C-alpha cells in the first residue's frame, strides 16, 4: 500500500514515537480495523435477524437495560 503527503508524515511520526516501523504500525492498525468492522457487521446482522423474528425492545425496555448496566 502506498500513502503520500500528510498521511505518510503522520504515520512515520506515530511509528517513530512508538519505536516501531511504519509498515508494522499499518499492519496492526488495519488488522484491528478489519476485526472491528467484522464484529460490527455481525452485530448488525444479528440485530436485523432479531427484528425479522419480531424481537425488539420498546423505548422503556431500552431505558431499563441501560439503568441495569449503569447500576452495576
N, C-alpha and C. Protein backbone atom coordinates (compact mmCIF):
# COMPACT_ATOMS: atom_id res chain seq x y z
N UNK A 1 0.85 -1.16 0.00
CA UNK A 1 0.00 0.00 0.00
C UNK A 1 0.90 1.23 0.00
N UNK A 2 0.47 2.22 -0.73
CA UNK A 2 1.26 3.43 -0.86
C UNK A 2 0.49 4.61 -0.30
N UNK A 3 1.11 5.35 0.62
CA UNK A 3 0.50 6.57 1.14
C UNK A 3 1.42 7.74 0.84
N UNK A 4 0.84 8.90 0.71
CA UNK A 4 1.64 10.07 0.36
C UNK A 4 1.30 11.24 1.27
N UNK A 5 2.12 12.24 1.20
CA UNK A 5 1.84 13.53 1.83
C UNK A 5 1.69 13.49 3.33
N UNK A 6 0.66 14.19 3.80
CA UNK A 6 0.44 14.37 5.23
C UNK A 6 0.21 13.04 5.94
N UNK A 7 -0.49 12.11 5.31
CA UNK A 7 -0.73 10.81 5.93
C UNK A 7 0.58 10.06 6.15
N UNK A 8 1.47 10.12 5.18
CA UNK A 8 2.77 9.46 5.33
C UNK A 8 3.56 10.07 6.49
N UNK A 9 3.52 11.38 6.60
CA UNK A 9 4.24 12.06 7.69
C UNK A 9 3.65 11.67 9.04
N UNK A 10 2.32 11.64 9.14
CA UNK A 10 1.68 11.25 10.38
C UNK A 10 2.02 9.81 10.76
N UNK A 11 2.00 8.94 9.78
CA UNK A 11 2.32 7.54 10.02
C UNK A 11 3.76 7.38 10.49
N UNK A 12 4.67 8.03 9.82
CA UNK A 12 6.09 7.95 10.18
C UNK A 12 6.32 8.49 11.59
N UNK A 13 5.68 9.61 11.90
CA UNK A 13 5.83 10.22 13.22
C UNK A 13 5.25 9.32 14.31
N UNK A 14 4.07 8.80 14.08
CA UNK A 14 3.43 7.93 15.07
C UNK A 14 4.24 6.66 15.30
N UNK A 15 4.71 6.05 14.23
CA UNK A 15 5.52 4.84 14.36
C UNK A 15 6.80 5.13 15.13
N UNK A 16 7.45 6.23 14.82
CA UNK A 16 8.70 6.59 15.50
C UNK A 16 8.46 6.80 16.99
N UNK A 17 7.36 7.46 17.34
CA UNK A 17 7.05 7.69 18.77
C UNK A 17 6.87 6.38 19.50
N UNK A 18 6.40 5.36 18.80
CA UNK A 18 6.17 4.05 19.42
C UNK A 18 7.37 3.13 19.28
N UNK A 19 8.41 3.59 18.61
CA UNK A 19 9.58 2.75 18.41
C UNK A 19 9.33 1.60 17.45
N UNK A 20 8.49 1.85 16.45
CA UNK A 20 8.09 0.81 15.51
C UNK A 20 8.37 1.28 14.09
N UNK A 21 8.33 0.33 13.19
CA UNK A 21 8.43 0.63 11.78
C UNK A 21 7.04 1.00 11.26
N UNK A 22 6.97 1.95 10.33
CA UNK A 22 5.65 2.34 9.79
C UNK A 22 4.85 1.16 9.23
N UNK A 23 5.51 0.24 8.55
CA UNK A 23 4.80 -0.91 7.98
C UNK A 23 4.16 -1.77 9.07
N UNK A 24 4.87 -1.93 10.17
CA UNK A 24 4.34 -2.71 11.29
C UNK A 24 3.10 -2.03 11.87
N UNK A 25 3.17 -0.72 12.02
CA UNK A 25 2.03 0.03 12.54
C UNK A 25 0.83 -0.09 11.61
N UNK A 26 1.06 0.03 10.30
CA UNK A 26 -0.03 -0.09 9.33
C UNK A 26 -0.67 -1.47 9.43
N UNK A 27 0.14 -2.51 9.52
CA UNK A 27 -0.38 -3.88 9.65
C UNK A 27 -1.29 -4.00 10.87
N UNK A 28 -0.82 -3.51 12.01
CA UNK A 28 -1.58 -3.61 13.25
C UNK A 28 -2.88 -2.80 13.18
N UNK A 29 -2.78 -1.58 12.65
CA UNK A 29 -3.97 -0.73 12.56
C UNK A 29 -5.01 -1.35 11.63
N UNK A 30 -4.58 -1.84 10.49
CA UNK A 30 -5.52 -2.46 9.55
C UNK A 30 -6.12 -3.74 10.12
N UNK A 31 -5.32 -4.53 10.79
CA UNK A 31 -5.81 -5.76 11.41
C UNK A 31 -6.89 -5.44 12.43
N UNK A 32 -6.61 -4.47 13.30
CA UNK A 32 -7.60 -4.07 14.31
C UNK A 32 -8.86 -3.51 13.67
N UNK A 33 -8.70 -2.66 12.67
CA UNK A 33 -9.85 -2.05 12.00
C UNK A 33 -10.73 -3.11 11.35
N UNK A 34 -10.12 -4.03 10.62
CA UNK A 34 -10.90 -5.05 9.93
C UNK A 34 -11.59 -5.99 10.90
N UNK A 35 -10.95 -6.31 12.02
CA UNK A 35 -11.59 -7.15 13.03
C UNK A 35 -12.79 -6.43 13.64
N UNK A 36 -12.64 -5.14 13.94
CA UNK A 36 -13.74 -4.36 14.50
C UNK A 36 -14.87 -4.21 13.49
N UNK A 37 -14.53 -4.00 12.24
CA UNK A 37 -15.55 -3.88 11.20
C UNK A 37 -16.34 -5.19 11.07
N UNK A 38 -15.65 -6.32 11.10
CA UNK A 38 -16.32 -7.61 11.02
C UNK A 38 -17.24 -7.82 12.22
N UNK A 39 -16.78 -7.43 13.42
CA UNK A 39 -17.59 -7.54 14.62
C UNK A 39 -18.85 -6.68 14.49
N UNK A 40 -18.69 -5.47 13.99
CA UNK A 40 -19.83 -4.56 13.82
C UNK A 40 -20.83 -5.11 12.81
N UNK A 41 -20.35 -5.58 11.68
CA UNK A 41 -21.24 -6.12 10.64
C UNK A 41 -22.01 -7.31 11.19
N UNK A 42 -21.35 -8.17 11.95
CA UNK A 42 -22.02 -9.33 12.54
C UNK A 42 -23.08 -8.89 13.55
N UNK A 43 -22.79 -7.87 14.34
CA UNK A 43 -23.77 -7.38 15.32
C UNK A 43 -24.99 -6.80 14.61
N UNK A 44 -24.78 -6.08 13.54
CA UNK A 44 -25.90 -5.53 12.77
C UNK A 44 -26.73 -6.66 12.19
N UNK A 45 -26.05 -7.67 11.66
CA UNK A 45 -26.76 -8.82 11.08
C UNK A 45 -27.62 -9.51 12.14
N UNK A 46 -27.06 -9.72 13.33
CA UNK A 46 -27.83 -10.34 14.41
C UNK A 46 -29.03 -9.48 14.80
N UNK A 47 -28.84 -8.16 14.81
CA UNK A 47 -29.94 -7.25 15.11
C UNK A 47 -31.03 -7.31 14.07
N UNK A 48 -30.64 -7.34 12.81
CA UNK A 48 -31.63 -7.44 11.73
C UNK A 48 -32.40 -8.75 11.81
N UNK A 49 -31.70 -9.83 12.12
CA UNK A 49 -32.36 -11.14 12.25
C UNK A 49 -33.34 -11.13 13.42
N UNK A 50 -32.96 -10.48 14.52
CA UNK A 50 -33.85 -10.39 15.68
C UNK A 50 -35.11 -9.60 15.32
N UNK A 51 -34.93 -8.51 14.58
CA UNK A 51 -36.10 -7.73 14.17
C UNK A 51 -37.02 -8.54 13.27
N UNK A 52 -36.44 -9.32 12.37
CA UNK A 52 -37.25 -10.17 11.49
C UNK A 52 -38.06 -11.19 12.29
N UNK A 53 -37.51 -11.63 13.43
CA UNK A 53 -38.22 -12.58 14.29
C UNK A 53 -39.21 -11.87 15.22
N UNK A 54 -39.26 -10.55 15.12
CA UNK A 54 -40.17 -9.78 15.97
C UNK A 54 -39.62 -9.49 17.35
N UNK A 55 -38.33 -9.69 17.53
CA UNK A 55 -37.69 -9.44 18.82
C UNK A 55 -37.14 -8.02 18.84
N UNK A 56 -37.78 -7.17 19.62
CA UNK A 56 -37.30 -5.80 19.73
C UNK A 56 -37.65 -5.27 21.11
N UNK A 57 -37.03 -4.18 21.48
CA UNK A 57 -37.29 -3.54 22.76
C UNK A 57 -38.06 -2.25 22.55
N UNK A 58 -38.93 -1.94 23.49
CA UNK A 58 -39.58 -0.65 23.49
C UNK A 58 -38.59 0.38 24.03
N UNK A 59 -38.95 1.63 23.94
CA UNK A 59 -38.11 2.69 24.50
C UNK A 59 -37.92 2.46 26.00
N UNK A 60 -38.98 2.05 26.66
CA UNK A 60 -38.90 1.80 28.11
C UNK A 60 -37.97 0.62 28.41
N UNK A 61 -38.04 -0.41 27.57
CA UNK A 61 -37.17 -1.57 27.75
C UNK A 61 -35.71 -1.21 27.59
N UNK A 62 -35.42 -0.36 26.65
CA UNK A 62 -34.04 0.11 26.46
C UNK A 62 -33.59 0.87 27.70
N UNK A 63 -34.48 1.74 28.20
CA UNK A 63 -34.15 2.50 29.41
C UNK A 63 -33.85 1.60 30.60
N UNK A 64 -34.66 0.55 30.78
CA UNK A 64 -34.41 -0.38 31.89
C UNK A 64 -33.07 -1.09 31.74
N UNK A 65 -32.76 -1.51 30.52
CA UNK A 65 -31.46 -2.18 30.30
C UNK A 65 -30.30 -1.23 30.59
N UNK A 66 -30.42 0.00 30.15
CA UNK A 66 -29.36 0.98 30.40
C UNK A 66 -29.19 1.21 31.90
N UNK A 67 -30.31 1.31 32.61
CA UNK A 67 -30.25 1.51 34.06
C UNK A 67 -29.54 0.35 34.74
N UNK A 68 -29.87 -0.88 34.34
CA UNK A 68 -29.20 -2.05 34.93
C UNK A 68 -27.70 -1.99 34.64
N UNK A 69 -27.35 -1.61 33.44
CA UNK A 69 -25.94 -1.54 33.05
C UNK A 69 -25.22 -0.46 33.87
N UNK A 70 -25.85 0.69 34.02
CA UNK A 70 -25.22 1.80 34.74
C UNK A 70 -25.13 1.55 36.24
N UNK A 71 -26.01 0.73 36.76
CA UNK A 71 -26.02 0.45 38.21
C UNK A 71 -25.09 -0.69 38.60
N UNK A 72 -24.42 -1.30 37.67
CA UNK A 72 -23.50 -2.40 38.01
C UNK A 72 -22.10 -1.91 38.22
